[in-house]
Amino acid sequence: MGWTILVISGLFEAVWATALSRSEGFSRLVPSLVFLGGLVVSMAGLAWALRDIPVGTGYAVWVGIGAATTAVWAMATGAESVSVVRILLLVGLVACVAGLKLTSH
């Protein structure tokens, strides 16, 4: 169950990171509220998952999922450019996250 919560929390990291960017320095209400909600869900889930998962592995997986999801979302929405190199690097990041999961005890 801890791993499921960790993955969901990582996805919510992408939500709050994207909302933070769209809040324009917290000057826009709706993105600011989405940021706050996403942050609370993400951190609470990370805290819950770390009861069962070692902190080094859990944090690295959480950050990796959040970073990869944020980058993919930015490319999908046109906020960032898409290139073969960027896609390969994201695939490598996801492979490293999966490797951490496979090698954890």
PDB file of N, CA and C in Angstrom:
ATOM      1  N   MET A   1       0.826  -1.205   0.000  1.00  0.00           N
ATOM      2  CA  MET A   1       0.000   0.000   0.000  1.00  0.00           C
ATOM      3  C   MET A   1       0.863   1.259   0.000  1.00  0.00           C
ATOM      4  N   GLY A   2       2.007   1.191   0.687  1.00  0.00           N
ATOM      5  CA  GLY A   2       2.889   2.349   0.745  1.00  0.00           C
ATOM      6  C   GLY A   2       3.360   2.794  -0.631  1.00  0.00           C
ATOM      7  N   TRP A   3       3.649   1.827  -1.501  1.00  0.00           N
ATOM      8  CA  TRP A   3       4.123   2.178  -2.839  1.00  0.00           C
ATOM      9  C   TRP A   3       3.028   2.839  -3.672  1.00  0.00           C
ATOM     10  N   THR A   4       1.802   2.373  -3.529  1.00  0.00           N
ATOM     11  CA  THR A   4       0.680   2.987  -4.251  1.00  0.00           C
ATOM     12  C   THR A   4       0.497   4.433  -3.805  1.00  0.00           C
ATOM     13  N   ILE A   5       0.518   4.655  -2.509  1.00  0.00           N
ATOM     14  CA  ILE A   5       0.387   6.011  -1.969  1.00  0.00           C
ATOM     15  C   ILE A   5       1.549   6.881  -2.438  1.00  0.00           C
ATOM     16  N   LEU A   6       2.758   6.307  -2.479  1.00  0.00           N
ATOM     17  CA  LEU A   6       3.927   7.070  -2.921  1.00  0.00           C
ATOM     18  C   LEU A   6       3.787   7.508  -4.371  1.00  0.00           C
ATOM     19  N   VAL A   7       3.320   6.624  -5.231  1.00  0.00           N
ATOM     20  CA  VAL A   7       3.133   6.982  -6.651  1.00  0.00           C
ATOM     21  C   VAL A   7       2.087   8.082  -6.790  1.00  0.00           C
ATOM     22  N   ILE A   8       0.979   7.946  -6.096  1.00  0.00           N
ATOM     23  CA  ILE A   8      -0.066   8.978  -6.158  1.00  0.00           C
ATOM     24  C   ILE A   8       0.475  10.310  -5.636  1.00  0.00           C
ATOM     25  N   SER A   9       1.250  10.253  -4.561  1.00  0.00           N
ATOM     26  CA  SER A   9       1.841  11.472  -4.012  1.00  0.00           C
ATOM     27  C   SER A   9       2.798  12.119  -5.003  1.00  0.00           C
ATOM     28  N   GLY A  10       3.555  11.290  -5.725  1.00  0.00           N
ATOM     29  CA  GLY A  10       4.447  11.813  -6.755  1.00  0.00           C
ATOM     30  C   GLY A  10       3.693  12.511  -7.871  1.00  0.00           C
ATOM     31  N   LEU A  11       2.539  11.955  -8.233  1.00  0.00           N
ATOM     32  CA  LEU A  11       1.710  12.608  -9.249  1.00  0.00           C
ATOM     33  C   LEU A  11       1.185  13.950  -8.747  1.00  0.00           C
ATOM     34  N   PHE A  12       0.832  14.012  -7.472  1.00  0.00           N
ATOM     35  CA  PHE A  12       0.372  15.283  -6.904  1.00  0.00           C
ATOM     36  C   PHE A  12       1.517  16.292  -6.785  1.00  0.00           C
ATOM     37  N   GLU A  13       2.752  15.810  -6.737  1.00  0.00           N
ATOM     38  CA  GLU A  13       3.876  16.747  -6.785  1.00  0.00           C
ATOM     39  C   GLU A  13       3.863  17.499  -8.116  1.00  0.00           C
ATOM     40  N   ALA A  14       3.554  16.788  -9.189  1.00  0.00           N
ATOM     41  CA  ALA A  14       3.458  17.438 -10.496  1.00  0.00           C
ATOM     42  C   ALA A  14       2.316  18.447 -10.529  1.00  0.00           C
ATOM     43  N   VAL A  15       1.225  18.128  -9.832  1.00  0.00           N
ATOM     44  CA  VAL A  15       0.082  19.057  -9.772  1.00  0.00           C
ATOM     45  C   VAL A  15       0.510  20.347  -9.101  1.00  0.00           C
ATOM     46  N   TRP A  16       1.129  20.249  -7.918  1.00  0.00           N
ATOM     47  CA  TRP A  16       1.472  21.492  -7.219  1.00  0.00           C
ATOM     48  C   TRP A  16       2.586  22.250  -7.921  1.00  0.00           C
ATOM     49  N   ALA A  17       3.519  21.552  -8.550  1.00  0.00           N
ATOM     50  CA  ALA A  17       4.593  22.256  -9.259  1.00  0.00           C
ATOM     51  C   ALA A  17       4.041  23.030 -10.454  1.00  0.00           C
ATOM     52  N   THR A  18       3.132  22.405 -11.189  1.00  0.00           N
ATOM     53  CA  THR A  18       2.525  23.081 -12.334  1.00  0.00           C
ATOM     54  C   THR A  18       1.664  24.249 -11.876  1.00  0.00           C
ATOM     55  N   ALA A  19       0.889  24.036 -10.822  1.00  0.00           N
ATOM     56  CA  ALA A  19       0.043  25.114 -10.303  1.00  0.00           C
ATOM     57  C   ALA A  19       0.886  26.266  -9.768  1.00  0.00           C
ATOM     58  N   LEU A  20       2.006  25.953  -9.153  1.00  0.00           N
ATOM     59  CA  LEU A  20       2.892  27.007  -8.658  1.00  0.00           C
ATOM     60  C   LEU A  20       3.350  27.902  -9.802  1.00  0.00           C
ATOM     61  N   SER A  21       3.710  27.284 -10.905  1.00  0.00           N
ATOM     62  CA  SER A  21       4.128  28.065 -12.073  1.00  0.00           C
ATOM     63  C   SER A  21       2.990  28.945 -12.592  1.00  0.00           C
ATOM     64  N   ARG A  22       1.808  28.381 -12.627  1.00  0.00           N
ATOM     65  CA  ARG A  22       0.645  29.121 -13.157  1.00  0.00           C
ATOM     66  C   ARG A  22       0.088  30.149 -12.186  1.00  0.00           C
ATOM     67  N   SER A  23       0.499  30.091 -10.926  1.00  0.00           N
ATOM     68  CA  SER A  23      -0.010  31.049  -9.940  1.00  0.00           C
ATOM     69  C   SER A  23       0.607  32.434 -10.100  1.00  0.00           C
ATOM     70  N   GLU A  24       1.678  32.505 -10.885  1.00  0.00           N
ATOM     71  CA  GLU A  24       2.384  33.774 -11.127  1.00  0.00           C
ATOM     72  C   GLU A  24       2.718  34.462  -9.807  1.00  0.00           C
ATOM     73  N   GLY A  25       3.472  33.724  -8.977  1.00  0.00           N
ATOM     74  CA  GLY A  25       3.891  34.295  -7.698  1.00  0.00           C
ATOM     75  C   GLY A  25       2.753  34.443  -6.713  1.00  0.00           C
ATOM     76  N   PHE A  26       1.810  33.528  -6.757  1.00  0.00           N
ATOM     77  CA  PHE A  26       0.625  33.523  -5.895  1.00  0.00           C
ATOM     78  C   PHE A  26      -0.287  34.736  -6.130  1.00  0.00           C
ATOM     79  N   SER A  27      -0.209  35.306  -7.325  1.00  0.00           N
ATOM     80  CA  SER A  27      -1.066  36.453  -7.636  1.00  0.00           C
ATOM     81  C   SER A  27      -2.390  36.019  -8.283  1.00  0.00           C
ATOM     82  N   ARG A  28      -2.512  34.755  -8.633  1.00  0.00           N
ATOM     83  CA  ARG A  28      -3.748  34.228  -9.210  1.00  0.00           C
ATOM     84  C   ARG A  28      -4.361  33.231  -8.223  1.00  0.00           C
ATOM     85  N   LEU A  29      -5.610  33.443  -7.872  1.00  0.00           N
ATOM     86  CA  LEU A  29      -6.253  32.693  -6.791  1.00  0.00           C
ATOM     87  C   LEU A  29      -6.397  31.198  -7.084  1.00  0.00           C
ATOM     88  N   VAL A  30      -6.993  30.833  -8.209  1.00  0.00           N
ATOM     89  CA  VAL A  30      -7.286  29.412  -8.461  1.00  0.00           C
ATOM     90  C   VAL A  30      -6.011  28.572  -8.536  1.00  0.00           C
ATOM     91  N   PRO A  31      -5.015  28.962  -9.328  1.00  0.00           N
ATOM     92  CA  PRO A  31      -3.786  28.156  -9.319  1.00  0.00           C
ATOM     93  C   PRO A  31      -3.114  28.125  -7.945  1.00  0.00           C
ATOM     94  N   SER A  32      -3.226  29.195  -7.186  1.00  0.00           N
ATOM     95  CA  SER A  32      -2.648  29.222  -5.843  1.00  0.00           C
ATOM     96  C   SER A  32      -3.344  28.213  -4.923  1.00  0.00           C
ATOM     97  N   LEU A  33      -4.665  28.113  -5.049  1.00  0.00           N
ATOM     98  CA  LEU A  33      -5.423  27.148  -4.249  1.00  0.00           C
ATOM     99  C   LEU A  33      -5.124  25.712  -4.692  1.00  0.00           C
ATOM    100  N   VAL A  34      -4.992  25.502  -6.014  1.00  0.00           N
ATOM    101  CA  VAL A  34      -4.627  24.179  -6.522  1.00  0.00           C
ATOM    102  C   VAL A  34      -3.236  23.803  -6.010  1.00  0.00           C
ATOM    103  N   PHE A  35      -2.323  24.765  -6.021  1.00  0.00           N
ATOM    104  CA  PHE A  35      -0.985  24.522  -5.473  1.00  0.00           C
ATOM    105  C   PHE A  35      -1.075  24.063  -4.030  1.00  0.00           C
ATOM    106  N   LEU A  36      -1.807  24.788  -3.222  1.00  0.00           N
ATOM    107  CA  LEU A  36      -1.914  24.469  -1.797  1.00  0.00           C
ATOM    108  C   LEU A  36      -2.525  23.084  -1.575  1.00  0.00           C
ATOM    109  N   GLY A  37      -3.600  22.797  -2.284  1.00  0.00           N
ATOM    110  CA  GLY A  37      -4.233  21.484  -2.152  1.00  0.00           C
ATOM    111  C   GLY A  37      -3.321  20.357  -2.616  1.00  0.00           C
ATOM    112  N   GLY A  38      -2.680  20.547  -3.757  1.00  0.00           N
ATOM    113  CA  GLY A  38      -1.762  19.539  -4.269  1.00  0.00           C
ATOM    114  C   GLY A  38      -0.582  19.315  -3.349  1.00  0.00           C
ATOM    115  N   LEU A  39      -0.077  20.397  -2.766  1.00  0.00           N
ATOM    116  CA  LEU A  39       1.050  20.306  -1.843  1.00  0.00           C
ATOM    117  C   LEU A  39       0.673  19.503  -0.597  1.00  0.00           C
ATOM    118  N   VAL A  40      -0.483  19.792  -0.035  1.00  0.00           N
ATOM    119  CA  VAL A  40      -0.926  19.095   1.171  1.00  0.00           C
ATOM    120  C   VAL A  40      -1.113  17.597   0.884  1.00  0.00           C
ATOM    121  N   VAL A  41      -1.789  17.266  -0.216  1.00  0.00           N
ATOM    122  CA  VAL A  41      -2.012  15.853  -0.556  1.00  0.00           C
ATOM    123  C   VAL A  41      -0.684  15.156  -0.822  1.00  0.00           C
ATOM    124  N   SER A  42       0.196  15.812  -1.565  1.00  0.00           N
ATOM    125  CA  SER A  42       1.487  15.218  -1.910  1.00  0.00           C
ATOM    126  C   SER A  42       2.350  14.962  -0.676  1.00  0.00           C
ATOM    127  N   MET A  43       2.462  15.955   0.186  1.00  0.00           N
ATOM    128  CA  MET A  43       3.292  15.809   1.393  1.00  0.00           C
ATOM    129  C   MET A  43       2.685  14.812   2.372  1.00  0.00           C
ATOM    130  N   ALA A  44       1.374  14.836   2.525  1.00  0.00           N
ATOM    131  CA  ALA A  44       0.727  13.891   3.434  1.00  0.00           C
ATOM    132  C   ALA A  44       0.920  12.457   2.941  1.00  0.00           C
ATOM    133  N   GLY A  45       0.788  12.262   1.644  1.00  0.00           N
ATOM    134  CA  GLY A  45       0.996  10.935   1.078  1.00  0.00           C
ATOM    135  C   GLY A  45       2.434  10.480   1.221  1.00  0.00           C
ATOM    136  N   LEU A  46       3.376  11.385   0.982  1.00  0.00           N
ATOM    137  CA  LEU A  46       4.790  11.048   1.154  1.00  0.00           C
ATOM    138  C   LEU A  46       5.053  10.652   2.599  1.00  0.00           C
ATOM    139  N   ALA A  47       4.536  11.427   3.540  1.00  0.00           N
ATOM    140  CA  ALA A  47       4.731  11.121   4.963  1.00  0.00           C
ATOM    141  C   ALA A  47       4.153   9.756   5.309  1.00  0.00           C
ATOM    142  N   TRP A  48       2.984   9.456   4.781  1.00  0.00           N
ATOM    143  CA  TRP A  48       2.343   8.174   5.066  1.00  0.00           C
ATOM    144  C   TRP A  48       3.160   7.028   4.474  1.00  0.00           C
ATOM    145  N   ALA A  49       3.609   7.190   3.217  1.00  0.00           N
ATOM    146  CA  ALA A  49       4.369   6.137   2.539  1.00  0.00           C
ATOM    147  C   ALA A  49       5.701   5.873   3.229  1.00  0.00           C
ATOM    148  N   LEU A  50       6.311   6.909   3.795  1.00  0.00           N
ATOM    149  CA  LEU A  50       7.614   6.740   4.431  1.00  0.00           C
ATOM    150  C   LEU A  50       7.533   5.949   5.740  1.00  0.00           C
ATOM    151  N   ARG A  51       6.346   5.628   6.180  1.00  0.00           N
ATOM    152  CA  ARG A  51       6.216   4.728   7.329  1.00  0.00           C
ATOM    153  C   ARG A  51       6.653   3.315   6.952  1.00  0.00           C
ATOM    154  N   ASP A  52       6.506   2.955   5.672  1.00  0.00           N
ATOM    155  CA  ASP A  52       6.824   1.607   5.196  1.00  0.00           C
ATOM    156  C   ASP A  52       8.038   1.547   4.270  1.00  0.00           C
ATOM    157  N   ILE A  53       8.418   2.679   3.704  1.00  0.00           N
ATOM    158  CA  ILE A  53       9.477   2.718   2.691  1.00  0.00           C
ATOM    159  C   ILE A  53      10.641   3.524   3.256  1.00  0.00           C
ATOM    160  N   PRO A  54      11.889   3.062   3.075  1.00  0.00           N
ATOM    161  CA  PRO A  54      13.035   3.834   3.551  1.00  0.00           C
ATOM    162  C   PRO A  54      13.057   5.234   2.935  1.00  0.00           C
ATOM    163  N   VAL A  55      13.449   6.219   3.727  1.00  0.00           N
ATOM    164  CA  VAL A  55      13.361   7.620   3.303  1.00  0.00           C
ATOM    165  C   VAL A  55      14.171   7.903   2.034  1.00  0.00           C
ATOM    166  N   GLY A  56      15.359   7.358   1.913  1.00  0.00           N
ATOM    167  CA  GLY A  56      16.174   7.629   0.722  1.00  0.00           C
ATOM    168  C   GLY A  56      15.507   7.145  -0.551  1.00  0.00           C
ATOM    169  N   THR A  57      15.006   5.933  -0.501  1.00  0.00           N
ATOM    170  CA  THR A  57      14.315   5.355  -1.659  1.00  0.00           C
ATOM    171  C   THR A  57      12.997   6.068  -1.906  1.00  0.00           C
ATOM    172  N   GLY A  58      12.215   6.250  -0.859  1.00  0.00           N
ATOM    173  CA  GLY A  58      10.903   6.877  -1.013  1.00  0.00           C
ATOM    174  C   GLY A  58      10.987   8.287  -1.562  1.00  0.00           C
ATOM    175  N   TYR A  59      11.903   9.070  -1.016  1.00  0.00           N
ATOM    176  CA  TYR A  59      12.031  10.456  -1.479  1.00  0.00           C
ATOM    177  C   TYR A  59      12.505  10.510  -2.928  1.00  0.00           C
ATOM    178  N   ALA A  60      13.483   9.673  -3.267  1.00  0.00           N
ATOM    179  CA  ALA A  60      13.993   9.661  -4.647  1.00  0.00           C
ATOM    180  C   ALA A  60      12.904   9.251  -5.637  1.00  0.00           C
ATOM    181  N   VAL A  61      12.115   8.265  -5.284  1.00  0.00           N
ATOM    182  CA  VAL A  61      11.029   7.827  -6.158  1.00  0.00           C
ATOM    183  C   VAL A  61       9.978   8.925  -6.277  1.00  0.00           C
ATOM    184  N   TRP A  62       9.612   9.540  -5.168  1.00  0.00           N
ATOM    185  CA  TRP A  62       8.616  10.621  -5.160  1.00  0.00           C
ATOM    186  C   TRP A  62       9.056  11.772  -6.058  1.00  0.00           C
ATOM    187  N   VAL A  63      10.308  12.200  -5.899  1.00  0.00           N
ATOM    188  CA  VAL A  63      10.832  13.303  -6.710  1.00  0.00           C
ATOM    189  C   VAL A  63      10.892  12.901  -8.178  1.00  0.00           C
ATOM    190  N   GLY A  64      11.344  11.677  -8.447  1.00  0.00           N
ATOM    191  CA  GLY A  64      11.455  11.225  -9.830  1.00  0.00           C
ATOM    192  C   GLY A  64      10.110  11.184 -10.533  1.00  0.00           C
ATOM    193  N   ILE A  65       9.111  10.650  -9.854  1.00  0.00           N
ATOM    194  CA  ILE A  65       7.761  10.613 -10.438  1.00  0.00           C
ATOM    195  C   ILE A  65       7.246  12.028 -10.674  1.00  0.00           C
ATOM    196  N   GLY A  66       7.412  12.886  -9.690  1.00  0.00           N
ATOM    197  CA  GLY A  66       6.951  14.272  -9.832  1.00  0.00           C
ATOM    198  C   GLY A  66       7.667  15.013 -10.942  1.00  0.00           C
ATOM    199  N   ALA A  67       8.981  14.855 -11.014  1.00  0.00           N
ATOM    200  CA  ALA A  67       9.763  15.551 -12.045  1.00  0.00           C
ATOM    201  C   ALA A  67       9.404  15.049 -13.440  1.00  0.00           C
ATOM    202  N   ALA A  68       9.330  13.736 -13.599  1.00  0.00           N
ATOM    203  CA  ALA A  68       9.012  13.180 -14.913  1.00  0.00           C
ATOM    204  C   ALA A  68       7.604  13.576 -15.351  1.00  0.00           C
ATOM    205  N   THR A  69       6.651  13.492 -14.441  1.00  0.00           N
ATOM    206  CA  THR A  69       5.268  13.844 -14.779  1.00  0.00           C
ATOM    207  C   THR A  69       5.146  15.327 -15.117  1.00  0.00           C
ATOM    208  N   THR A  70       5.821  16.174 -14.354  1.00  0.00           N
ATOM    209  CA  THR A  70       5.795  17.611 -14.622  1.00  0.00           C
ATOM    210  C   THR A  70       6.379  17.913 -16.001  1.00  0.00           C
ATOM    211  N   ALA A  71       7.501  17.287 -16.326  1.00  0.00           N
ATOM    212  CA  ALA A  71       8.148  17.526 -17.621  1.00  0.00           C
ATOM    213  C   ALA A  71       7.286  17.011 -18.777  1.00  0.00           C
ATOM    214  N   VAL A  72       6.707  15.828 -18.616  1.00  0.00           N
ATOM    215  CA  VAL A  72       5.846  15.280 -19.669  1.00  0.00           C
ATOM    216  C   VAL A  72       4.623  16.167 -19.865  1.00  0.00           C
ATOM    217  N   TRP A  73       4.021  16.623 -18.772  1.00  0.00           N
ATOM    218  CA  TRP A  73       2.853  17.507 -18.868  1.00  0.00           C
ATOM    219  C   TRP A  73       3.230  18.810 -19.584  1.00  0.00           C
ATOM    220  N   ALA A  74       4.367  19.370 -19.243  1.00  0.00           N
ATOM    221  CA  ALA A  74       4.804  20.620 -19.880  1.00  0.00           C
ATOM    222  C   ALA A  74       5.016  20.420 -21.378  1.00  0.00           C
ATOM    223  N   MET A  75       5.569  19.291 -21.756  1.00  0.00           N
ATOM    224  CA  MET A  75       5.762  19.021 -23.189  1.00  0.00           C
ATOM    225  C   MET A  75       4.420  18.764 -23.875  1.00  0.00           C
ATOM    226  N   ALA A  76       3.520  18.045 -23.214  1.00  0.00           N
ATOM    227  CA  ALA A  76       2.216  17.729 -23.802  1.00  0.00           C
ATOM    228  C   ALA A  76       1.359  18.970 -24.007  1.00  0.00           C
ATOM    229  N   THR A  77       1.512  19.954 -23.130  1.00  0.00           N
ATOM    230  CA  THR A  77       0.707  21.180 -23.248  1.00  0.00           C
ATOM    231  C   THR A  77       1.391  22.261 -24.073  1.00  0.00           C
ATOM    232  N   GLY A  78       2.606  21.986 -24.531  1.00  0.00           N
ATOM    233  CA  GLY A  78       3.325  22.955 -25.353  1.00  0.00           C
ATOM    234  C   GLY A  78       4.094  23.999 -24.562  1.00  0.00           C
ATOM    235  N   ALA A  79       4.127  23.866 -23.241  1.00  0.00           N
ATOM    236  CA  ALA A  79       4.859  24.827 -22.415  1.00  0.00           C
ATOM    237  C   ALA A  79       6.366  24.647 -22.548  1.00  0.00           C
ATOM    238  N   GLU A  80       6.789  23.444 -22.924  1.00  0.00           N
ATOM    239  CA  GLU A  80       8.206  23.160 -23.142  1.00  0.00           C
ATOM    240  C   GLU A  80       8.346  22.384 -24.438  1.00  0.00           C
ATOM    241  N   SER A  81       9.524  22.490 -25.038  1.00  0.00           N
ATOM    242  CA  SER A  81       9.755  21.816 -26.316  1.00  0.00           C
ATOM    243  C   SER A  81       9.906  20.313 -26.115  1.00  0.00           C
ATOM    244  N   VAL A  82       9.610  19.589 -27.187  1.00  0.00           N
ATOM    245  CA  VAL A  82       9.749  18.136 -27.204  1.00  0.00           C
ATOM    246  C   VAL A  82      10.917  17.790 -28.106  1.00  0.00           C
ATOM    247  N   SER A  83      11.778  16.915 -27.631  1.00  0.00           N
ATOM    248  CA  SER A  83      12.874  16.429 -28.464  1.00  0.00           C
ATOM    249  C   SER A  83      13.157  14.984 -28.105  1.00  0.00           C
ATOM    250  N   VAL A  84      13.818  14.287 -29.002  1.00  0.00           N
ATOM    251  CA  VAL A  84      14.166  12.893 -28.763  1.00  0.00           C
ATOM    252  C   VAL A  84      15.069  12.791 -27.538  1.00  0.00           C
ATOM    253  N   VAL A  85      16.006  13.702 -27.393  1.00  0.00           N
ATOM    254  CA  VAL A  85      16.921  13.665 -26.255  1.00  0.00           C
ATOM    255  C   VAL A  85      16.162  13.834 -24.946  1.00  0.00           C
ATOM    256  N   ARG A  86      15.245  14.777 -24.884  1.00  0.00           N
ATOM    257  CA  ARG A  86      14.452  14.990 -23.665  1.00  0.00           C
ATOM    258  C   ARG A  86      13.632  13.749 -23.320  1.00  0.00           C
ATOM    259  N   ILE A  87      13.027  13.146 -24.329  1.00  0.00           N
ATOM    260  CA  ILE A  87      12.225  11.950 -24.102  1.00  0.00           C
ATOM    261  C   ILE A  87      13.102  10.804 -23.601  1.00  0.00           C
ATOM    262  N   LEU A  88      14.269  10.617 -24.201  1.00  0.00           N
ATOM    263  CA  LEU A  88      15.178   9.558 -23.754  1.00  0.00           C
ATOM    264  C   LEU A  88      15.646   9.792 -22.323  1.00  0.00           C
ATOM    265  N   LEU A  89      15.919  11.037 -21.980  1.00  0.00           N
ATOM    266  CA  LEU A  89      16.341  11.341 -20.608  1.00  0.00           C
ATOM    267  C   LEU A  89      15.212  11.070 -19.610  1.00  0.00           C
ATOM    268  N   LEU A  90      13.984  11.389 -19.978  1.00  0.00           N
ATOM    269  CA  LEU A  90      12.843  11.092 -19.099  1.00  0.00           C
ATOM    270  C   LEU A  90      12.619   9.584 -18.967  1.00  0.00           C
ATOM    271  N   VAL A  91      12.813   8.849 -20.062  1.00  0.00           N
ATOM    272  CA  VAL A  91      12.714   7.392 -19.988  1.00  0.00           C
ATOM    273  C   VAL A  91      13.783   6.859 -19.039  1.00  0.00           C
ATOM    274  N   GLY A  92      14.986   7.422 -19.112  1.00  0.00           N
ATOM    275  CA  GLY A  92      16.047   7.026 -18.191  1.00  0.00           C
ATOM    276  C   GLY A  92      15.699   7.328 -16.748  1.00  0.00           C
ATOM    277  N   LEU A  93      15.096   8.475 -16.513  1.00  0.00           N
ATOM    278  CA  LEU A  93      14.680   8.845 -15.160  1.00  0.00           C
ATOM    279  C   LEU A  93      13.646   7.852 -14.621  1.00  0.00           C
ATOM    280  N   VAL A  94      12.672   7.535 -15.435  1.00  0.00           N
ATOM    281  CA  VAL A  94      11.641   6.585 -15.022  1.00  0.00           C
ATOM    282  C   VAL A  94      12.261   5.205 -14.788  1.00  0.00           C
ATOM    283  N   ALA A  95      13.215   4.804 -15.614  1.00  0.00           N
ATOM    284  CA  ALA A  95      13.897   3.522 -15.422  1.00  0.00           C
ATOM    285  C   ALA A  95      14.651   3.507 -14.092  1.00  0.00           C
ATOM    286  N   CYS A  96      15.275   4.618 -13.740  1.00  0.00           N
ATOM    287  CA  CYS A  96      15.974   4.700 -12.453  1.00  0.00           C
ATOM    288  C   CYS A  96      15.000   4.604 -11.284  1.00  0.00           C
ATOM    289  N   VAL A  97      13.856   5.256 -11.401  1.00  0.00           N
ATOM    290  CA  VAL A  97      12.836   5.179 -10.353  1.00  0.00           C
ATOM    291  C   VAL A  97      12.349   3.738 -10.212  1.00  0.00           C
ATOM    292  N   ALA A  98      12.090   3.081 -11.336  1.00  0.00           N
ATOM    293  CA  ALA A  98      11.657   1.684 -11.284  1.00  0.00           C
ATOM    294  C   ALA A  98      12.747   0.811 -10.672  1.00  0.00           C
ATOM    295  N   GLY A  99      13.995   1.096 -10.994  1.00  0.00           N
ATOM    296  CA  GLY A  99      15.113   0.347 -10.422  1.00  0.00           C
ATOM    297  C   GLY A  99      15.190   0.485  -8.913  1.00  0.00           C
ATOM    298  N   LEU A 100      14.939   1.684  -8.422  1.00  0.00           N
ATOM    299  CA  LEU A 100      14.918   1.887  -6.961  1.00  0.00           C
ATOM    300  C   LEU A 100      13.818   1.049  -6.313  1.00  0.00           C
ATOM    301  N   LYS A 101      12.678   1.000  -6.954  1.00  0.00           N
ATOM    302  CA  LYS A 101      11.580   0.194  -6.421  1.00  0.00           C
ATOM    303  C   LYS A 101      11.960  -1.282  -6.424  1.00  0.00           C
ATOM    304  N   LEU A 102      12.562  -1.747  -7.501  1.00  0.00           N
ATOM    305  CA  LEU A 102      12.904  -3.165  -7.622  1.00  0.00           C
ATOM    306  C   LEU A 102      13.996  -3.593  -6.667  1.00  0.00           C
ATOM    307  N   THR A 103      14.870  -2.671  -6.283  1.00  0.00           N
ATOM    308  CA  THR A 103      15.984  -3.023  -5.411  1.00  0.00           C
ATOM    309  C   THR A 103      15.747  -2.698  -3.939  1.00  0.00           C
ATOM    310  N   SER A 104      14.566  -2.168  -3.615  1.00  0.00           N
ATOM    311  CA  SER A 104      14.287  -1.829  -2.216  1.00  0.00           C
ATOM    312  C   SER A 104      13.867  -3.079  -1.455  1.00  0.00           C
ATOM    313  N   HIS A 105      14.071  -3.024  -0.166  1.00  0.00           N
ATOM    314  CA  HIS A 105      13.719  -4.184   0.674  1.00  0.00           C
ATOM    315  C   HIS A 105      12.472  -3.908   1.444  1.00  0.00           C
TER     316      HIS A 105
END
